[in-house]
mmCIF file of all heavy atoms, coordinates in Angstrom:
data_MODEL
# 
_entry.id   MODEL 
# 
loop_
_atom_site.group_PDB 
_atom_site.id 
_atom_site.type_symbol 
_atom_site.label_atom_id 
_atom_site.label_alt_id 
_atom_site.label_comp_id 
_atom_site.label_asym_id 
_atom_site.label_entity_id 
_atom_site.label_seq_id 
_atom_site.pdbx_PDB_ins_code 
_atom_site.Cartn_x 
_atom_site.Cartn_y 
_atom_site.Cartn_z 
_atom_site.occupancy 
_atom_site.B_iso_or_equiv 
_atom_site.pdbx_formal_charge 
_atom_site.auth_seq_id 
_atom_site.auth_comp_id 
_atom_site.auth_asym_id 
_atom_site.auth_atom_id 
_atom_site.pdbx_PDB_model_num 
ATOM 1   N N   . ASP A 1 1  ? 6.778   3.711   3.245  1.00 0.00 ? 1  ASP A N   1 
ATOM 2   C CA  . ASP A 1 1  ? 6.525   4.355   1.971  1.00 0.00 ? 1  ASP A CA  1 
ATOM 3   C C   . ASP A 1 1  ? 7.575   3.946   0.926  1.00 0.00 ? 1  ASP A C   1 
ATOM 4   O O   . ASP A 1 1  ? 7.249   3.834   -0.269 1.00 0.00 ? 1  ASP A O   1 
ATOM 5   C CB  . ASP A 1 1  ? 6.584   5.885   2.118  1.00 0.00 ? 1  ASP A CB  1 
ATOM 6   C CG  . ASP A 1 1  ? 5.362   6.443   2.863  1.00 0.00 ? 1  ASP A CG  1 
ATOM 7   O OD1 . ASP A 1 1  ? 4.393   5.702   3.043  1.00 0.00 ? 1  ASP A OD1 1 
ATOM 8   O OD2 . ASP A 1 1  ? 5.402   7.639   3.223  1.00 0.00 ? 1  ASP A OD2 1 
ATOM 9   N N   . LYS A 1 2  ? 8.843   3.802   1.360  1.00 0.00 ? 2  LYS A N   1 
ATOM 10  C CA  . LYS A 1 2  ? 9.938   3.506   0.424  1.00 0.00 ? 2  LYS A CA  1 
ATOM 11  C C   . LYS A 1 2  ? 10.900  2.547   1.085  1.00 0.00 ? 2  LYS A C   1 
ATOM 12  O O   . LYS A 1 2  ? 10.954  2.424   2.300  1.00 0.00 ? 2  LYS A O   1 
ATOM 13  C CB  . LYS A 1 2  ? 10.667  4.793   0.056  1.00 0.00 ? 2  LYS A CB  1 
ATOM 14  C CG  . LYS A 1 2  ? 9.873   5.800   -0.735 1.00 0.00 ? 2  LYS A CG  1 
ATOM 15  C CD  . LYS A 1 2  ? 10.735  7.023   -1.075 1.00 0.00 ? 2  LYS A CD  1 
ATOM 16  C CE  . LYS A 1 2  ? 9.972   8.035   -1.884 1.00 0.00 ? 2  LYS A CE  1 
ATOM 17  N NZ  . LYS A 1 2  ? 10.816  9.221   -2.225 1.00 0.00 ? 2  LYS A NZ  1 
ATOM 18  N N   . GLY A 1 3  ? 11.705  1.877   0.234  1.00 0.00 ? 3  GLY A N   1 
ATOM 19  C CA  . GLY A 1 3  ? 12.748  1.058   0.786  1.00 0.00 ? 3  GLY A CA  1 
ATOM 20  C C   . GLY A 1 3  ? 12.911  -0.262  0.055  1.00 0.00 ? 3  GLY A C   1 
ATOM 21  O O   . GLY A 1 3  ? 12.235  -0.543  -0.954 1.00 0.00 ? 3  GLY A O   1 
ATOM 22  N N   . ALA A 1 4  ? 13.774  -1.092  0.595  1.00 0.00 ? 4  ALA A N   1 
ATOM 23  C CA  . ALA A 1 4  ? 14.104  -2.380  -0.037 1.00 0.00 ? 4  ALA A CA  1 
ATOM 24  C C   . ALA A 1 4  ? 13.099  -3.445  0.446  1.00 0.00 ? 4  ALA A C   1 
ATOM 25  O O   . ALA A 1 4  ? 13.432  -4.347  1.212  1.00 0.00 ? 4  ALA A O   1 
ATOM 26  C CB  . ALA A 1 4  ? 15.532  -2.796  0.356  1.00 0.00 ? 4  ALA A CB  1 
ATOM 27  N N   . TYR A 1 5  ? 11.890  -3.314  -0.057 1.00 0.00 ? 5  TYR A N   1 
ATOM 28  C CA  . TYR A 1 5  ? 10.802  -4.226  0.350  1.00 0.00 ? 5  TYR A CA  1 
ATOM 29  C C   . TYR A 1 5  ? 10.179  -4.823  -0.913 1.00 0.00 ? 5  TYR A C   1 
ATOM 30  O O   . TYR A 1 5  ? 9.027   -4.575  -1.240 1.00 0.00 ? 5  TYR A O   1 
ATOM 31  C CB  . TYR A 1 5  ? 9.766   -3.471  1.160  1.00 0.00 ? 5  TYR A CB  1 
ATOM 32  C CG  . TYR A 1 5  ? 10.344  -2.738  2.344  1.00 0.00 ? 5  TYR A CG  1 
ATOM 33  C CD1 . TYR A 1 5  ? 10.434  -1.355  2.327  1.00 0.00 ? 5  TYR A CD1 1 
ATOM 34  C CD2 . TYR A 1 5  ? 10.830  -3.429  3.443  1.00 0.00 ? 5  TYR A CD2 1 
ATOM 35  C CE1 . TYR A 1 5  ? 10.973  -0.652  3.402  1.00 0.00 ? 5  TYR A CE1 1 
ATOM 36  C CE2 . TYR A 1 5  ? 11.391  -2.744  4.521  1.00 0.00 ? 5  TYR A CE2 1 
ATOM 37  C CZ  . TYR A 1 5  ? 11.447  -1.343  4.478  1.00 0.00 ? 5  TYR A CZ  1 
ATOM 38  O OH  . TYR A 1 5  ? 12.003  -0.669  5.553  1.00 0.00 ? 5  TYR A OH  1 
ATOM 39  N N   . THR A 1 6  ? 10.981  -5.607  -1.620 1.00 0.00 ? 6  THR A N   1 
ATOM 40  C CA  . THR A 1 6  ? 10.566  -6.133  -2.906 1.00 0.00 ? 6  THR A CA  1 
ATOM 41  C C   . THR A 1 6  ? 9.224   -6.887  -2.817 1.00 0.00 ? 6  THR A C   1 
ATOM 42  O O   . THR A 1 6  ? 9.044   -7.746  -1.945 1.00 0.00 ? 6  THR A O   1 
ATOM 43  C CB  . THR A 1 6  ? 11.655  -7.088  -3.454 1.00 0.00 ? 6  THR A CB  1 
ATOM 44  O OG1 . THR A 1 6  ? 12.889  -6.358  -3.578 1.00 0.00 ? 6  THR A OG1 1 
ATOM 45  C CG2 . THR A 1 6  ? 11.249  -7.633  -4.823 1.00 0.00 ? 6  THR A CG2 1 
ATOM 46  N N   . GLY A 1 7  ? 8.319   -6.550  -3.711 1.00 0.00 ? 7  GLY A N   1 
ATOM 47  C CA  . GLY A 1 7  ? 7.020   -7.211  -3.775 1.00 0.00 ? 7  GLY A CA  1 
ATOM 48  C C   . GLY A 1 7  ? 5.947   -6.563  -2.953 1.00 0.00 ? 7  GLY A C   1 
ATOM 49  O O   . GLY A 1 7  ? 4.771   -6.912  -3.070 1.00 0.00 ? 7  GLY A O   1 
ATOM 50  N N   . GLU A 1 8  ? 6.316   -5.619  -2.068 1.00 0.00 ? 8  GLU A N   1 
ATOM 51  C CA  . GLU A 1 8  ? 5.329   -4.913  -1.276 1.00 0.00 ? 8  GLU A CA  1 
ATOM 52  C C   . GLU A 1 8  ? 4.799   -3.690  -2.035 1.00 0.00 ? 8  GLU A C   1 
ATOM 53  O O   . GLU A 1 8  ? 5.364   -3.289  -3.057 1.00 0.00 ? 8  GLU A O   1 
ATOM 54  C CB  . GLU A 1 8  ? 5.901   -4.469  0.081  1.00 0.00 ? 8  GLU A CB  1 
ATOM 55  C CG  . GLU A 1 8  ? 6.306   -5.628  0.977  1.00 0.00 ? 8  GLU A CG  1 
ATOM 56  C CD  . GLU A 1 8  ? 5.094   -6.415  1.429  1.00 0.00 ? 8  GLU A CD  1 
ATOM 57  O OE1 . GLU A 1 8  ? 3.971   -5.877  1.451  1.00 0.00 ? 8  GLU A OE1 1 
ATOM 58  O OE2 . GLU A 1 8  ? 5.275   -7.588  1.813  1.00 0.00 ? 8  GLU A OE2 1 
ATOM 59  N N   . VAL A 1 9  ? 3.705   -3.111  -1.548 1.00 0.00 ? 9  VAL A N   1 
ATOM 60  C CA  . VAL A 1 9  ? 3.085   -1.982  -2.185 1.00 0.00 ? 9  VAL A CA  1 
ATOM 61  C C   . VAL A 1 9  ? 3.104   -0.778  -1.241 1.00 0.00 ? 9  VAL A C   1 
ATOM 62  O O   . VAL A 1 9  ? 2.623   -0.875  -0.110 1.00 0.00 ? 9  VAL A O   1 
ATOM 63  C CB  . VAL A 1 9  ? 1.635   -2.308  -2.625 1.00 0.00 ? 9  VAL A CB  1 
ATOM 64  C CG1 . VAL A 1 9  ? 0.957   -1.083  -3.227 1.00 0.00 ? 9  VAL A CG1 1 
ATOM 65  C CG2 . VAL A 1 9  ? 1.662   -3.423  -3.644 1.00 0.00 ? 9  VAL A CG2 1 
ATOM 66  N N   . SER A 1 10 ? 3.640   0.330   -1.718 1.00 0.00 ? 10 SER A N   1 
ATOM 67  C CA  . SER A 1 10 ? 3.786   1.513   -0.893 1.00 0.00 ? 10 SER A CA  1 
ATOM 68  C C   . SER A 1 10 ? 2.473   2.249   -0.715 1.00 0.00 ? 10 SER A C   1 
ATOM 69  O O   . SER A 1 10 ? 1.746   2.523   -1.673 1.00 0.00 ? 10 SER A O   1 
ATOM 70  C CB  . SER A 1 10 ? 4.784   2.465   -1.583 1.00 0.00 ? 10 SER A CB  1 
ATOM 71  O OG  . SER A 1 10 ? 4.669   3.796   -1.131 1.00 0.00 ? 10 SER A OG  1 
ATOM 72  N N   . PRO A 1 11 ? 2.127   2.627   0.538  1.00 0.00 ? 11 PRO A N   1 
ATOM 73  C CA  . PRO A 1 11 ? 0.922   3.442   0.751  1.00 0.00 ? 11 PRO A CA  1 
ATOM 74  C C   . PRO A 1 11 ? 1.041   4.800   0.086  1.00 0.00 ? 11 PRO A C   1 
ATOM 75  O O   . PRO A 1 11 ? 0.012   5.373   -0.359 1.00 0.00 ? 11 PRO A O   1 
ATOM 76  C CB  . PRO A 1 11 ? 0.845   3.553   2.273  1.00 0.00 ? 11 PRO A CB  1 
ATOM 77  C CG  . PRO A 1 11 ? 2.211   3.278   2.785  1.00 0.00 ? 11 PRO A CG  1 
ATOM 78  C CD  . PRO A 1 11 ? 2.817   2.319   1.813  1.00 0.00 ? 11 PRO A CD  1 
ATOM 79  N N   . MET A 1 12 ? 2.248   5.342   -0.003 1.00 0.00 ? 12 MET A N   1 
ATOM 80  C CA  . MET A 1 12 ? 2.420   6.609   -0.668 1.00 0.00 ? 12 MET A CA  1 
ATOM 81  C C   . MET A 1 12 ? 2.051   6.505   -2.153 1.00 0.00 ? 12 MET A C   1 
ATOM 82  O O   . MET A 1 12 ? 1.344   7.361   -2.716 1.00 0.00 ? 12 MET A O   1 
ATOM 83  C CB  . MET A 1 12 ? 3.874   7.107   -0.541 1.00 0.00 ? 12 MET A CB  1 
ATOM 84  C CG  . MET A 1 12 ? 4.151   8.438   -1.226 1.00 0.00 ? 12 MET A CG  1 
ATOM 85  S SD  . MET A 1 12 ? 5.863   8.970   -1.001 1.00 0.00 ? 12 MET A SD  1 
ATOM 86  C CE  . MET A 1 12 ? 6.728   7.726   -1.964 1.00 0.00 ? 12 MET A CE  1 
ATOM 87  N N   . THR A 1 13 ? 2.448   5.424   -2.771 1.00 0.00 ? 13 THR A N   1 
ATOM 88  C CA  . THR A 1 13 ? 2.138   5.193   -4.215 1.00 0.00 ? 13 THR A CA  1 
ATOM 89  C C   . THR A 1 13 ? 0.636   5.005   -4.377 1.00 0.00 ? 13 THR A C   1 
ATOM 90  O O   . THR A 1 13 ? 0.063   5.480   -5.360 1.00 0.00 ? 13 THR A O   1 
ATOM 91  C CB  . THR A 1 13 ? 2.893   3.959   -4.731 1.00 0.00 ? 13 THR A CB  1 
ATOM 92  O OG1 . THR A 1 13 ? 4.302   4.196   -4.537 1.00 0.00 ? 13 THR A OG1 1 
ATOM 93  C CG2 . THR A 1 13 ? 2.621   3.753   -6.211 1.00 0.00 ? 13 THR A CG2 1 
ATOM 94  N N   . LEU A 1 14 ? -0.001  4.312   -3.430 1.00 0.00 ? 14 LEU A N   1 
ATOM 95  C CA  . LEU A 1 14 ? -1.453  4.134   -3.541 1.00 0.00 ? 14 LEU A CA  1 
ATOM 96  C C   . LEU A 1 14 ? -2.172  5.480   -3.461 1.00 0.00 ? 14 LEU A C   1 
ATOM 97  O O   . LEU A 1 14 ? -3.110  5.717   -4.246 1.00 0.00 ? 14 LEU A O   1 
ATOM 98  C CB  . LEU A 1 14 ? -1.947  3.210   -2.393 1.00 0.00 ? 14 LEU A CB  1 
ATOM 99  C CG  . LEU A 1 14 ? -1.505  1.760   -2.466 1.00 0.00 ? 14 LEU A CG  1 
ATOM 100 C CD1 . LEU A 1 14 ? -1.995  1.007   -1.223 1.00 0.00 ? 14 LEU A CD1 1 
ATOM 101 C CD2 . LEU A 1 14 ? -2.024  1.098   -3.735 1.00 0.00 ? 14 LEU A CD2 1 
ATOM 102 N N   . LYS A 1 15 ? -1.741  6.347   -2.572 1.00 0.00 ? 15 LYS A N   1 
ATOM 103 C CA  . LYS A 1 15 ? -2.317  7.684   -2.471 1.00 0.00 ? 15 LYS A CA  1 
ATOM 104 C C   . LYS A 1 15 ? -2.151  8.417   -3.807 1.00 0.00 ? 15 LYS A C   1 
ATOM 105 O O   . LYS A 1 15 ? -3.093  9.052   -4.308 1.00 0.00 ? 15 LYS A O   1 
ATOM 106 C CB  . LYS A 1 15 ? -1.640  8.472   -1.358 1.00 0.00 ? 15 LYS A CB  1 
ATOM 107 C CG  . LYS A 1 15 ? -2.083  9.918   -1.245 1.00 0.00 ? 15 LYS A CG  1 
ATOM 108 C CD  . LYS A 1 15 ? -3.550  10.018  -0.872 1.00 0.00 ? 15 LYS A CD  1 
ATOM 109 C CE  . LYS A 1 15 ? -3.916  11.494  -0.609 1.00 0.00 ? 15 LYS A CE  1 
ATOM 110 N NZ  . LYS A 1 15 ? -5.346  11.648  -0.268 1.00 0.00 ? 15 LYS A NZ  1 
ATOM 111 N N   . GLN A 1 16 ? -0.973  8.332   -4.398 1.00 0.00 ? 16 GLN A N   1 
ATOM 112 C CA  . GLN A 1 16 ? -0.709  8.981   -5.688 1.00 0.00 ? 16 GLN A CA  1 
ATOM 113 C C   . GLN A 1 16 ? -1.580  8.416   -6.800 1.00 0.00 ? 16 GLN A C   1 
ATOM 114 O O   . GLN A 1 16 ? -1.886  9.108   -7.770 1.00 0.00 ? 16 GLN A O   1 
ATOM 115 C CB  . GLN A 1 16 ? 0.782   8.855   -6.024 1.00 0.00 ? 16 GLN A CB  1 
ATOM 116 C CG  . GLN A 1 16 ? 1.689   9.622   -5.081 1.00 0.00 ? 16 GLN A CG  1 
ATOM 117 C CD  . GLN A 1 16 ? 3.164   9.263   -5.268 1.00 0.00 ? 16 GLN A CD  1 
ATOM 118 O OE1 . GLN A 1 16 ? 3.485   8.227   -5.875 1.00 0.00 ? 16 GLN A OE1 1 
ATOM 119 N NE2 . GLN A 1 16 ? 4.038   10.119  -4.746 1.00 0.00 ? 16 GLN A NE2 1 
ATOM 120 N N   . ALA A 1 17 ? -1.974  7.145   -6.645 1.00 0.00 ? 17 ALA A N   1 
ATOM 121 C CA  . ALA A 1 17 ? -2.793  6.495   -7.681 1.00 0.00 ? 17 ALA A CA  1 
ATOM 122 C C   . ALA A 1 17 ? -4.268  6.805   -7.520 1.00 0.00 ? 17 ALA A C   1 
ATOM 123 O O   . ALA A 1 17 ? -5.080  6.306   -8.309 1.00 0.00 ? 17 ALA A O   1 
ATOM 124 C CB  . ALA A 1 17 ? -2.561  4.975   -7.599 1.00 0.00 ? 17 ALA A CB  1 
ATOM 125 N N   . GLY A 1 18 ? -4.633  7.554   -6.496 1.00 0.00 ? 18 GLY A N   1 
ATOM 126 C CA  . GLY A 1 18 ? -6.028  7.943   -6.314 1.00 0.00 ? 18 GLY A CA  1 
ATOM 127 C C   . GLY A 1 18 ? -6.795  7.118   -5.303 1.00 0.00 ? 18 GLY A C   1 
ATOM 128 O O   . GLY A 1 18 ? -8.009  7.238   -5.191 1.00 0.00 ? 18 GLY A O   1 
ATOM 129 N N   . VAL A 1 19 ? -6.103  6.295   -4.545 1.00 0.00 ? 19 VAL A N   1 
ATOM 130 C CA  . VAL A 1 19 ? -6.759  5.453   -3.528 1.00 0.00 ? 19 VAL A CA  1 
ATOM 131 C C   . VAL A 1 19 ? -7.155  6.301   -2.330 1.00 0.00 ? 19 VAL A C   1 
ATOM 132 O O   . VAL A 1 19 ? -6.390  7.169   -1.872 1.00 0.00 ? 19 VAL A O   1 
ATOM 133 C CB  . VAL A 1 19 ? -5.823  4.296   -3.093 1.00 0.00 ? 19 VAL A CB  1 
ATOM 134 C CG1 . VAL A 1 19 ? -6.353  3.576   -1.851 1.00 0.00 ? 19 VAL A CG1 1 
ATOM 135 C CG2 . VAL A 1 19 ? -5.661  3.315   -4.246 1.00 0.00 ? 19 VAL A CG2 1 
ATOM 136 N N   . LYS A 1 20 ? -8.330  6.038   -1.805 1.00 0.00 ? 20 LYS A N   1 
ATOM 137 C CA  . LYS A 1 20 ? -8.835  6.771   -0.628 1.00 0.00 ? 20 LYS A CA  1 
ATOM 138 C C   . LYS A 1 20 ? -8.962  5.875   0.620  1.00 0.00 ? 20 LYS A C   1 
ATOM 139 O O   . LYS A 1 20 ? -8.884  6.364   1.728  1.00 0.00 ? 20 LYS A O   1 
ATOM 140 C CB  . LYS A 1 20 ? -10.225 7.381   -0.929 1.00 0.00 ? 20 LYS A CB  1 
ATOM 141 C CG  . LYS A 1 20 ? -10.759 8.249   0.174  1.00 0.00 ? 20 LYS A CG  1 
ATOM 142 C CD  . LYS A 1 20 ? -11.982 9.023   -0.222 1.00 0.00 ? 20 LYS A CD  1 
ATOM 143 C CE  . LYS A 1 20 ? -12.468 9.929   0.916  1.00 0.00 ? 20 LYS A CE  1 
ATOM 144 N NZ  . LYS A 1 20 ? -13.636 10.755  0.525  1.00 0.00 ? 20 LYS A NZ  1 
ATOM 145 N N   . ILE A 1 21 ? -9.168  4.588   0.389  1.00 0.00 ? 21 ILE A N   1 
ATOM 146 C CA  . ILE A 1 21 ? -9.394  3.670   1.506  1.00 0.00 ? 21 ILE A CA  1 
ATOM 147 C C   . ILE A 1 21 ? -8.580  2.406   1.292  1.00 0.00 ? 21 ILE A C   1 
ATOM 148 O O   . ILE A 1 21 ? -8.493  1.909   0.169  1.00 0.00 ? 21 ILE A O   1 
ATOM 149 C CB  . ILE A 1 21 ? -10.919 3.363   1.648  1.00 0.00 ? 21 ILE A CB  1 
ATOM 150 C CG1 . ILE A 1 21 ? -11.166 2.459   2.862  1.00 0.00 ? 21 ILE A CG1 1 
ATOM 151 C CG2 . ILE A 1 21 ? -11.466 2.745   0.376  1.00 0.00 ? 21 ILE A CG2 1 
ATOM 152 C CD1 . ILE A 1 21 ? -12.663 2.310   3.178  1.00 0.00 ? 21 ILE A CD1 1 
ATOM 153 N N   . VAL A 1 22 ? -7.920  1.924   2.338  1.00 0.00 ? 22 VAL A N   1 
ATOM 154 C CA  . VAL A 1 22 ? -7.082  0.724   2.222  1.00 0.00 ? 22 VAL A CA  1 
ATOM 155 C C   . VAL A 1 22 ? -7.508  -0.311  3.254  1.00 0.00 ? 22 VAL A C   1 
ATOM 156 O O   . VAL A 1 22 ? -7.570  -0.059  4.441  1.00 0.00 ? 22 VAL A O   1 
ATOM 157 C CB  . VAL A 1 22 ? -5.594  1.059   2.452  1.00 0.00 ? 22 VAL A CB  1 
ATOM 158 C CG1 . VAL A 1 22 ? -4.742  -0.184  2.228  1.00 0.00 ? 22 VAL A CG1 1 
ATOM 159 C CG2 . VAL A 1 22 ? -5.150  2.168   1.511  1.00 0.00 ? 22 VAL A CG2 1 
ATOM 160 N N   . GLU A 1 23 ? -7.857  -1.471  2.751  1.00 0.00 ? 23 GLU A N   1 
ATOM 161 C CA  . GLU A 1 23 ? -8.257  -2.610  3.604  1.00 0.00 ? 23 GLU A CA  1 
ATOM 162 C C   . GLU A 1 23 ? -7.009  -3.286  4.133  1.00 0.00 ? 23 GLU A C   1 
ATOM 163 O O   . GLU A 1 23 ? -6.072  -3.596  3.387  1.00 0.00 ? 23 GLU A O   1 
ATOM 164 C CB  . GLU A 1 23 ? -9.057  -3.599  2.742  1.00 0.00 ? 23 GLU A CB  1 
ATOM 165 C CG  . GLU A 1 23 ? -9.393  -4.908  3.442  1.00 0.00 ? 23 GLU A CG  1 
ATOM 166 C CD  . GLU A 1 23 ? -9.981  -5.921  2.479  1.00 0.00 ? 23 GLU A CD  1 
ATOM 167 O OE1 . GLU A 1 23 ? -10.175 -5.614  1.283  1.00 0.00 ? 23 GLU A OE1 1 
ATOM 168 O OE2 . GLU A 1 23 ? -10.258 -7.051  2.940  1.00 0.00 ? 23 GLU A OE2 1 
ATOM 169 N N   . ILE A 1 24 ? -6.987  -3.547  5.422  1.00 0.00 ? 24 ILE A N   1 
ATOM 170 C CA  . ILE A 1 24 ? -5.844  -4.222  6.035  1.00 0.00 ? 24 ILE A CA  1 
ATOM 171 C C   . ILE A 1 24 ? -6.350  -5.220  7.076  1.00 0.00 ? 24 ILE A C   1 
ATOM 172 O O   . ILE A 1 24 ? -7.445  -5.090  7.620  1.00 0.00 ? 24 ILE A O   1 
ATOM 173 C CB  . ILE A 1 24 ? -4.846  -3.234  6.686  1.00 0.00 ? 24 ILE A CB  1 
ATOM 174 C CG1 . ILE A 1 24 ? -5.561  -2.259  7.608  1.00 0.00 ? 24 ILE A CG1 1 
ATOM 175 C CG2 . ILE A 1 24 ? -4.024  -2.526  5.621  1.00 0.00 ? 24 ILE A CG2 1 
ATOM 176 C CD1 . ILE A 1 24 ? -4.625  -1.346  8.389  1.00 0.00 ? 24 ILE A CD1 1 
ATOM 177 N N   . GLY A 1 25 ? -5.544  -6.241  7.330  1.00 0.00 ? 25 GLY A N   1 
ATOM 178 C CA  . GLY A 1 25 ? -5.830  -7.198  8.408  1.00 0.00 ? 25 GLY A CA  1 
ATOM 179 C C   . GLY A 1 25 ? -6.914  -8.190  8.103  1.00 0.00 ? 25 GLY A C   1 
ATOM 180 O O   . GLY A 1 25 ? -7.500  -8.755  9.061  1.00 0.00 ? 25 GLY A O   1 
ATOM 181 N N   . HIS A 1 26 ? -7.222  -8.430  6.840  1.00 0.00 ? 26 HIS A N   1 
ATOM 182 C CA  . HIS A 1 26 ? -8.261  -9.413  6.551  1.00 0.00 ? 26 HIS A CA  1 
ATOM 183 C C   . HIS A 1 26 ? -7.908  -10.772 7.124  1.00 0.00 ? 26 HIS A C   1 
ATOM 184 O O   . HIS A 1 26 ? -6.727  -11.119 7.242  1.00 0.00 ? 26 HIS A O   1 
ATOM 185 C CB  . HIS A 1 26 ? -8.485  -9.508  5.034  1.00 0.00 ? 26 HIS A CB  1 
ATOM 186 C CG  . HIS A 1 26 ? -9.705  -10.297 4.660  1.00 0.00 ? 26 HIS A CG  1 
ATOM 187 N ND1 . HIS A 1 26 ? -9.677  -11.653 4.596  1.00 0.00 ? 26 HIS A ND1 1 
ATOM 188 C CD2 . HIS A 1 26 ? -10.959 -9.894  4.358  1.00 0.00 ? 26 HIS A CD2 1 
ATOM 189 C CE1 . HIS A 1 26 ? -10.900 -12.087 4.246  1.00 0.00 ? 26 HIS A CE1 1 
ATOM 190 N NE2 . HIS A 1 26 ? -11.693 -11.042 4.107  1.00 0.00 ? 26 HIS A NE2 1 
ATOM 191 N N   . ALA A 1 27 ? -8.918  -11.522 7.490  1.00 0.00 ? 27 ALA A N   1 
ATOM 192 C CA  . ALA A 1 27 ? -8.700  -12.810 8.126  1.00 0.00 ? 27 ALA A CA  1 
ATOM 193 C C   . ALA A 1 27 ? -7.813  -13.716 7.267  1.00 0.00 ? 27 ALA A C   1 
ATOM 194 O O   . ALA A 1 27 ? -7.008  -14.505 7.810  1.00 0.00 ? 27 ALA A O   1 
ATOM 195 C CB  . ALA A 1 27 ? -10.034 -13.501 8.405  1.00 0.00 ? 27 ALA A CB  1 
ATOM 196 N N   . GLU A 1 28 ? -7.930  -13.606 5.945  1.00 0.00 ? 28 GLU A N   1 
ATOM 197 C CA  . GLU A 1 28 ? -7.121  -14.432 5.070  1.00 0.00 ? 28 GLU A CA  1 
ATOM 198 C C   . GLU A 1 28 ? -5.650  -14.032 5.147  1.00 0.00 ? 28 GLU A C   1 
ATOM 199 O O   . GLU A 1 28 ? -4.761  -14.897 5.117  1.00 0.00 ? 28 GLU A O   1 
ATOM 200 C CB  . GLU A 1 28 ? -7.630  -14.335 3.640  1.00 0.00 ? 28 GLU A CB  1 
ATOM 201 C CG  . GLU A 1 28 ? -8.993  -15.015 3.457  1.00 0.00 ? 28 GLU A CG  1 
ATOM 202 C CD  . GLU A 1 28 ? -9.715  -14.545 2.224  1.00 0.00 ? 28 GLU A CD  1 
ATOM 203 O OE1 . GLU A 1 28 ? -9.170  -13.674 1.483  1.00 0.00 ? 28 GLU A OE1 1 
ATOM 204 O OE2 . GLU A 1 28 ? -10.859 -15.001 2.016  1.00 0.00 ? 28 GLU A OE2 1 
# 
């Protein structure tokens, strides 16, 4: 959710932004 991970996107922030579903592990 938080930390020194420059360039990454926090799942906590996505939740706060109104996101309900997160795609992960795509073949690309």
